[in-house]
C-alpha atoms as a PDB file:
ATOM      1  CA  UNK A   1     -15.487  12.409  40.309  1.00  0.00           C
ATOM      2  CA  UNK A   2     -16.357  10.516  43.473  1.00  0.00           C
ATOM      3  CA  UNK A   3     -18.608   7.835  44.415  1.00  0.00           C
ATOM      4  CA  UNK A   4     -21.770   7.987  46.485  1.00  0.00           C
ATOM      5  CA  UNK A   5     -24.163   6.105  48.537  1.00  0.00           C
ATOM      6  CA  UNK A   6     -26.998   8.872  48.568  1.00  0.00           C
ATOM      7  CA  UNK A   7     -27.895  10.954  45.406  1.00  0.00           C
ATOM      8  CA  UNK A   8     -29.779  14.755  45.203  1.00  0.00           C
ATOM      9  CA  UNK A   9     -31.965  16.030  42.329  1.00  0.00           C
ATOM     10  CA  UNK A  10     -29.091  17.521  39.761  1.00  0.00           C
ATOM     11  CA  UNK A  11     -26.524  15.113  40.606  1.00  0.00           C
ATOM     12  CA  UNK A  12     -25.222  13.726  37.398  1.00  0.00           C
ATOM     13  CA  UNK A  13     -24.498   9.913  37.296  1.00  0.00           C
ATOM     14  CA  UNK A  14     -22.130   7.328  35.886  1.00  0.00           C
ATOM     15  CA  UNK A  15     -22.670   3.766  35.630  1.00  0.00           C
ATOM     16  CA  UNK A  16     -25.779   3.475  33.172  1.00  0.00           C
ATOM     17  CA  UNK A  17     -25.680   0.908  30.817  1.00  0.00           C
ATOM     18  CA  UNK A  18     -28.415  -0.022  27.902  1.00  0.00           C
ATOM     19  CA  UNK A  19     -28.462  -3.114  29.360  1.00  0.00           C
ATOM     20  CA  UNK A  20     -30.575  -1.626  32.389  1.00  0.00           C
ATOM     21  CA  UNK A  21     -32.569   0.010  29.671  1.00  0.00           C
ATOM     22  CA  UNK A  22     -36.483  -1.275  30.076  1.00  0.00           C
ATOM     23  CA  UNK A  23     -38.243  -2.806  26.820  1.00  0.00           C
ATOM     24  CA  UNK A  24     -39.801   0.017  24.406  1.00  0.00           C
ATOM     25  CA  UNK A  25     -37.198   2.558  25.328  1.00  0.00           C
ATOM     26  CA  UNK A  26     -36.618   4.828  22.317  1.00  0.00           C
ATOM     27  CA  UNK A  27     -33.032   3.815  20.224  1.00  0.00           C
ATOM     28  CA  UNK A  28     -31.464   7.156  20.792  1.00  0.00           C
ATOM     29  CA  UNK A  29     -31.192   6.539  24.873  1.00  0.00           C
ATOM     30  CA  UNK A  30     -29.449   3.417  24.091  1.00  0.00           C
ATOM     31  CA  UNK A  31     -27.062   5.456  22.104  1.00  0.00           C
ATOM     32  CA  UNK A  32     -26.274   7.845  24.692  1.00  0.00           C
ATOM     33  CA  UNK A  33     -25.441   5.286  27.440  1.00  0.00           C
ATOM     34  CA  UNK A  34     -23.523   3.435  24.998  1.00  0.00           C
ATOM     35  CA  UNK A  35     -21.186   6.432  24.614  1.00  0.00           C
ATOM     36  CA  UNK A  36     -20.807   6.146  28.441  1.00  0.00           C
ATOM     37  CA  UNK A  37     -22.281   9.744  29.144  1.00  0.00           C
ATOM     38  CA  UNK A  38     -23.903  10.420  32.362  1.00  0.00           C
ATOM     39  CA  UNK A  39     -27.763  10.608  33.651  1.00  0.00           C
ATOM     40  CA  UNK A  40     -28.870  13.367  35.514  1.00  0.00           C
ATOM     41  CA  UNK A  41     -31.474  12.332  39.455  1.00  0.00           C
ATOM     42  CA  UNK A  42     -34.492  13.379  38.513  1.00  0.00           C
ATOM     43  CA  UNK A  43     -37.212  14.355  41.488  1.00  0.00           C
ATOM     44  CA  UNK A  44     -38.864  11.694  42.152  1.00  0.00           C
ATOM     45  CA  UNK A  45     -40.095   8.851  45.034  1.00  0.00           C
ATOM     46  CA  UNK A  46     -37.787   6.152  44.997  1.00  0.00           C
ATOM     47  CA  UNK A  47     -37.919   2.896  45.637  1.00  0.00           C
ATOM     48  CA  UNK A  48     -34.926   1.531  47.634  1.00  0.00           C
ATOM     49  CA  UNK A  49     -32.095   0.274  45.819  1.00  0.00           C
ATOM     50  CA  UNK A  50     -33.137   2.586  42.680  1.00  0.00           C
ATOM     51  CA  UNK A  51     -32.797   6.089  42.009  1.00  0.00           C
ATOM     52  CA  UNK A  52     -34.892   8.218  39.321  1.00  0.00           C
ATOM     53  CA  UNK A  53     -32.924   9.662  36.456  1.00  0.00           C
ATOM     54  CA  UNK A  54     -33.627  11.661  32.995  1.00  0.00           C
ATOM     55  CA  UNK A  55     -31.638  10.897  29.877  1.00  0.00           C
ATOM     56  CA  UNK A  56     -30.647  13.491  27.696  1.00  0.00           C
ATOM     57  CA  UNK A  57     -29.927  13.152  23.939  1.00  0.00           C
ATOM     58  CA  UNK A  58     -28.661  15.481  20.878  1.00  0.00           C
ATOM     59  CA  UNK A  59     -32.147  16.671  20.395  1.00  0.00           C
ATOM     60  CA  UNK A  60     -33.585  19.640  22.770  1.00  0.00           C
ATOM     61  CA  UNK A  61     -36.795  16.963  22.447  1.00  0.00           C
ATOM     62  CA  UNK A  62     -34.670  13.972  23.804  1.00  0.00           C
ATOM     63  CA  UNK A  63     -35.210  13.531  27.265  1.00  0.00           C
ATOM     64  CA  UNK A  64     -36.118  10.189  28.716  1.00  0.00           C
ATOM     65  CA  UNK A  65     -37.390   9.412  32.435  1.00  0.00           C
ATOM     66  CA  UNK A  66     -35.723   6.106  33.685  1.00  0.00           C
ATOM     67  CA  UNK A  67     -34.696   3.815  36.911  1.00  0.00           C
ATOM     68  CA  UNK A  68     -31.163   3.398  37.829  1.00  0.00           C
ATOM     69  CA  UNK A  69     -30.379   0.652  40.579  1.00  0.00           C
ATOM     70  CA  UNK A  70     -28.191   2.408  42.800  1.00  0.00           C
ATOM     71  CA  UNK A  71     -25.668  -0.386  42.523  1.00  0.00           C
ATOM     72  CA  UNK A  72     -24.893   0.321  39.071  1.00  0.00           C
ATOM     73  CA  UNK A  73     -23.348   3.810  40.138  1.00  0.00           C
ATOM     74  CA  UNK A  74     -19.901   4.007  39.641  1.00  0.00           C
ATOM     75  CA  UNK A  75     -19.397   7.697  39.765  1.00  0.00           C
ATOM     76  CA  UNK A  76     -21.311  11.164  40.216  1.00  0.00           C
ATOM     77  CA  UNK A  77     -20.469  15.014  40.307  1.00  0.00           C
ATOM     78  CA  UNK A  78     -22.390  17.596  42.112  1.00  0.00           C
ATOM     79  CA  UNK A  79     -23.932  20.968  41.189  1.00  0.00           C
ATOM     80  CA  UNK A  80     -20.809  22.016  43.694  1.00  0.00           C
ATOM     81  CA  UNK A  81     -17.963  20.345  42.198  1.00  0.00           C
ATOM     82  CA  UNK A  82     -18.539  21.873  38.515  1.00  0.00           C
ATOM     83  CA  UNK A  83     -18.494  25.279  40.648  1.00  0.00           C
ATOM     84  CA  UNK A  84     -15.326  24.545  41.442  1.00  0.00           C
ATOM     85  CA  UNK A  85     -14.201  23.287  37.944  1.00  0.00           C
ATOM     86  CA  UNK A  86     -15.369  25.768  36.326  1.00  0.00           C
ATOM     87  CA  UNK A  87     -13.115  28.198  38.282  1.00  0.00           C
ATOM     88  CA  UNK A  88      -9.981  26.966  36.820  1.00  0.00           C
ATOM     89  CA  UNK A  89     -11.128  27.061  33.106  1.00  0.00           C
ATOM     90  CA  UNK A  90     -11.246  29.625  30.337  1.00  0.00           C
ATOM     91  CA  UNK A  91     -14.801  29.810  28.573  1.00  0.00           C
ATOM     92  CA  UNK A  92     -16.386  31.078  25.459  1.00  0.00           C
ATOM     93  CA  UNK A  93     -19.630  30.567  26.135  1.00  0.00           C
ATOM     94  CA  UNK A  94     -21.205  33.761  28.181  1.00  0.00           C
ATOM     95  CA  UNK A  95     -23.315  30.794  29.911  1.00  0.00           C
ATOM     96  CA  UNK A  96     -20.318  29.776  31.510  1.00  0.00           C
ATOM     97  CA  UNK A  97     -18.284  33.181  31.976  1.00  0.00           C
ATOM     98  CA  UNK A  98     -20.857  34.548  34.100  1.00  0.00           C
ATOM     99  CA  UNK A  99     -20.409  31.647  36.512  1.00  0.00           C
ATOM    100  CA  UNK A 100     -16.907  32.742  37.023  1.00  0.00           C
ATOM    101  CA  UNK A 101     -18.517  36.381  37.405  1.00  0.00           C
ATOM    102  CA  UNK A 102     -21.198  34.774  40.037  1.00  0.00           C
ATOM    103  CA  UNK A 103     -18.740  33.267  42.218  1.00  0.00           C
ATOM    104  CA  UNK A 104     -18.197  36.020  44.908  1.00  0.00           C
ATOM    105  CA  UNK A 105     -21.684  37.031  44.953  1.00  0.00           C
ATOM    106  CA  UNK A 106     -22.510  33.010  46.062  1.00  0.00           C
ATOM    107  CA  UNK A 107     -19.639  32.863  48.483  1.00  0.00           C
ATOM    108  CA  UNK A 108     -20.740  35.985  50.329  1.00  0.00           C
ATOM    109  CA  UNK A 109     -23.999  34.307  51.019  1.00  0.00           C
ATOM    110  CA  UNK A 110     -22.675  31.519  52.951  1.00  0.00           C
ATOM    111  CA  UNK A 111     -24.374  28.934  51.165  1.00  0.00           C
ATOM    112  CA  UNK A 112     -23.643  25.746  48.880  1.00  0.00           C
ATOM    113  CA  UNK A 113     -24.025  26.163  45.398  1.00  0.00           C
ATOM    114  CA  UNK A 114     -23.543  24.757  42.104  1.00  0.00           C
ATOM    115  CA  UNK A 115     -24.840  24.510  38.190  1.00  0.00           C
ATOM    116  CA  UNK A 116     -27.219  22.778  36.778  1.00  0.00           C
ATOM    117  CA  UNK A 117     -29.255  22.176  33.359  1.00  0.00           C
ATOM    118  CA  UNK A 118     -27.153  22.626  30.163  1.00  0.00           C
ATOM    119  CA  UNK A 119     -24.193  24.263  31.853  1.00  0.00           C
ATOM    120  CA  UNK A 120     -23.726  21.179  34.316  1.00  0.00           C
ATOM    121  CA  UNK A 121     -24.120  18.957  31.130  1.00  0.00           C
ATOM    122  CA  UNK A 122     -21.283  20.748  29.150  1.00  0.00           C
ATOM    123  CA  UNK A 123     -19.017  21.311  31.794  1.00  0.00           C
ATOM    124  CA  UNK A 124     -18.911  17.037  32.894  1.00  0.00           C
ATOM    125  CA  UNK A 125     -18.796  15.846  29.705  1.00  0.00           C
ATOM    126  CA  UNK A 126     -17.514  18.619  27.210  1.00  0.00           C
ATOM    127  CA  UNK A 127     -20.311  18.219  25.129  1.00  0.00           C
ATOM    128  CA  UNK A 128     -21.132  21.363  24.009  1.00  0.00           C
ATOM    129  CA  UNK A 129     -25.110  21.981  24.521  1.00  0.00           C
ATOM    130  CA  UNK A 130     -24.970  25.845  25.184  1.00  0.00           C
ATOM    131  CA  UNK A 131     -25.860  28.592  22.662  1.00  0.00           C
ATOM    132  CA  UNK A 132     -25.026  32.327  22.973  1.00  0.00           C
ATOM    133  CA  UNK A 133     -28.759  33.083  24.621  1.00  0.00           C
ATOM    134  CA  UNK A 134     -28.476  29.842  27.053  1.00  0.00           C
ATOM    135  CA  UNK A 135     -29.983  30.609  30.589  1.00  0.00           C
ATOM    136  CA  UNK A 136     -27.600  29.817  33.161  1.00  0.00           C
ATOM    137  CA  UNK A 137     -29.429  27.676  35.558  1.00  0.00           C
ATOM    138  CA  UNK A 138     -27.919  27.366  39.554  1.00  0.00           C
ATOM    139  CA  UNK A 139     -29.438  26.190  42.384  1.00  0.00           C
ATOM    140  CA  UNK A 140     -28.366  27.212  46.295  1.00  0.00           C
ATOM    141  CA  UNK A 141     -29.090  24.828  49.026  1.00  0.00           C
ATOM    142  CA  UNK A 142     -30.748  26.548  51.724  1.00  0.00           C
ATOM    143  CA  UNK A 143     -31.405  23.745  54.743  1.00  0.00           C
ATOM    144  CA  UNK A 144     -32.577  26.948  56.940  1.00  0.00           C
ATOM    145  CA  UNK A 145     -35.119  29.571  56.177  1.00  0.00           C
ATOM    146  CA  UNK A 146     -34.251  32.044  53.419  1.00  0.00           C
ATOM    147  CA  UNK A 147     -35.945  35.065  53.822  1.00  0.00           C
ATOM    148  CA  UNK A 148     -37.781  36.647  51.515  1.00  0.00           C
ATOM    149  CA  UNK A 149     -36.149  40.191  51.373  1.00  0.00           C
ATOM    150  CA  UNK A 150     -32.969  37.971  51.152  1.00  0.00           C
ATOM    151  CA  UNK A 151     -34.388  36.710  48.227  1.00  0.00           C
ATOM    152  CA  UNK A 152     -36.306  39.661  46.969  1.00  0.00           C
ATOM    153  CA  UNK A 153     -32.173  41.641  46.961  1.00  0.00           C
ATOM    154  CA  UNK A 154     -30.208  39.183  45.799  1.00  0.00           C
ATOM    155  CA  UNK A 155     -32.962  38.684  42.374  1.00  0.00           C
ATOM    156  CA  UNK A 156     -32.509  42.298  41.939  1.00  0.00           C
ATOM    157  CA  UNK A 157     -29.151  41.877  41.539  1.00  0.00           C
ATOM    158  CA  UNK A 158     -28.782  38.681  39.426  1.00  0.00           C
ATOM    159  CA  UNK A 159     -31.098  40.932  36.974  1.00  0.00           C
ATOM    160  CA  UNK A 160     -28.556  43.455  36.492  1.00  0.00           C
ATOM    161  CA  UNK A 161     -26.629  40.659  34.816  1.00  0.00           C
ATOM    162  CA  UNK A 162     -25.794  40.050  30.995  1.00  0.00           C
ATOM    163  CA  UNK A 163     -27.233  36.599  30.687  1.00  0.00           C
ATOM    164  CA  UNK A 164     -30.602  35.477  32.229  1.00  0.00           C
ATOM    165  CA  UNK A 165     -29.956  33.222  35.633  1.00  0.00           C
ATOM    166  CA  UNK A 166     -32.650  30.781  36.589  1.00  0.00           C
ATOM    167  CA  UNK A 167     -31.860  29.960  40.343  1.00  0.00           C
ATOM    168  CA  UNK A 168     -33.176  27.277  42.252  1.00  0.00           C
ATOM    169  CA  UNK A 169     -33.417  27.037  46.090  1.00  0.00           C
ATOM    170  CA  UNK A 170     -33.118  23.617  47.436  1.00  0.00           C
ATOM    171  CA  UNK A 171     -35.264  23.625  50.586  1.00  0.00           C
ATOM    172  CA  UNK A 172     -35.501  20.532  53.398  1.00  0.00           C
ATOM    173  CA  UNK A 173     -39.221  19.912  51.085  1.00  0.00           C
ATOM    174  CA  UNK A 174     -37.900  20.795  47.261  1.00  0.00           C
ATOM    175  CA  UNK A 175     -36.610  23.459  45.255  1.00  0.00           C
ATOM    176  CA  UNK A 176     -38.667  26.577  44.645  1.00  0.00           C
ATOM    177  CA  UNK A 177     -37.833  29.207  42.274  1.00  0.00           C
ATOM    178  CA  UNK A 178     -35.778  32.317  43.774  1.00  0.00           C
ATOM    179  CA  UNK A 179     -37.636  34.612  41.262  1.00  0.00           C
ATOM    180  CA  UNK A 180     -41.194  33.584  42.740  1.00  0.00           C
ATOM    181  CA  UNK A 181     -40.124  33.351  46.252  1.00  0.00           C
ATOM    182  CA  UNK A 182     -38.420  37.055  45.620  1.00  0.00           C
ATOM    183  CA  UNK A 183     -41.771  38.453  44.712  1.00  0.00           C
ATOM    184  CA  UNK A 184     -45.090  39.081  46.516  1.00  0.00           C
ATOM    185  CA  UNK A 185     -47.659  36.264  45.554  1.00  0.00           C
ATOM    186  CA  UNK A 186     -48.370  34.575  48.887  1.00  0.00           C
ATOM    187  CA  UNK A 187     -48.210  30.846  47.528  1.00  0.00           C
ATOM    188  CA  UNK A 188     -44.901  29.576  45.431  1.00  0.00           C
ATOM    189  CA  UNK A 189     -44.277  26.698  43.410  1.00  0.00           C
ATOM    190  CA  UNK A 190     -42.390  23.683  45.372  1.00  0.00           C
ATOM    191  CA  UNK A 191     -40.621  20.985  43.315  1.00  0.00           C
ATOM    192  CA  UNK A 192     -41.520  18.161  45.868  1.00  0.00           C
ATOM    193  CA  UNK A 193     -40.540  14.582  45.293  1.00  0.00           C
ATOM    194  CA  UNK A 194     -44.102  13.428  45.049  1.00  0.00           C
ATOM    195  CA  UNK A 195     -44.708  16.269  42.565  1.00  0.00           C
ATOM    196  CA  UNK A 196     -45.533  20.122  42.254  1.00  0.00           C
ATOM    197  CA  UNK A 197     -47.798  21.745  44.551  1.00  0.00           C
ATOM    198  CA  UNK A 198     -48.675  25.582  46.092  1.00  0.00           C
ATOM    199  CA  UNK A 199     -47.526  26.362  49.344  1.00  0.00           C
ATOM    200  CA  UNK A 200     -46.439  29.406  50.924  1.00  0.00           C
ATOM    201  CA  UNK A 201     -43.446  28.539  53.043  1.00  0.00           C
ATOM    202  CA  UNK A 202     -41.901  25.542  51.976  1.00  0.00           C
ATOM    203  CA  UNK A 203     -39.282  25.462  54.832  1.00  0.00           C
ATOM    204  CA  UNK A 204     -42.469  25.702  57.412  1.00  0.00           C
ATOM    205  CA  UNK A 205     -44.576  22.306  55.586  1.00  0.00           C
ATOM    206  CA  UNK A 206     -46.032  20.402  57.504  1.00  0.00           C
ATOM    207  CA  UNK A 207     -46.523  17.205  54.957  1.00  0.00           C
ATOM    208  CA  UNK A 208     -42.739  17.669  53.509  1.00  0.00           C
ATOM    209  CA  UNK A 209     -41.107  14.023  53.856  1.00  0.00           C
END
């Protein structure tokens, strides 16, 4: 784990303690944090000195949004770092095994990519949250335009895999689903810092920040 001063959506952060929680937060949140578990950076506009995070509980319905002071962050693991970790492990869950199979395909794109969601949490903490039917969540960083024909070709290859892969393209303006960008719709849903919105092309979106 490495300390960072800037944090991006899906990074896992350590250092959030129960003492930093707001009054009225569910009891299970403090229990998770007291065990030293990480929180995940969520997509939201944050004021200086704070980062928007989500806290994951043991049950599927246990998800809590919170604000973490950046001064409290002691360490971070990025989605890209988790990919490097998974390549050296012997894995049982189909979703994690698929990560190893995906590596050549993703590396051929020449773009940074990483694992997110439950697979990321399990790899980072050792806590088993995946099951045989779990999807695999992946992000690809696309600072430059990723064409729709490119997206369609990649999506067609992913659809042939034995486990469902949910791929997000991280653009300068926010995230879009590869599946949508590979389709024929005139607009796609952009997950921006300010909230979701429909756009024709996130790389040419004039209102982006």
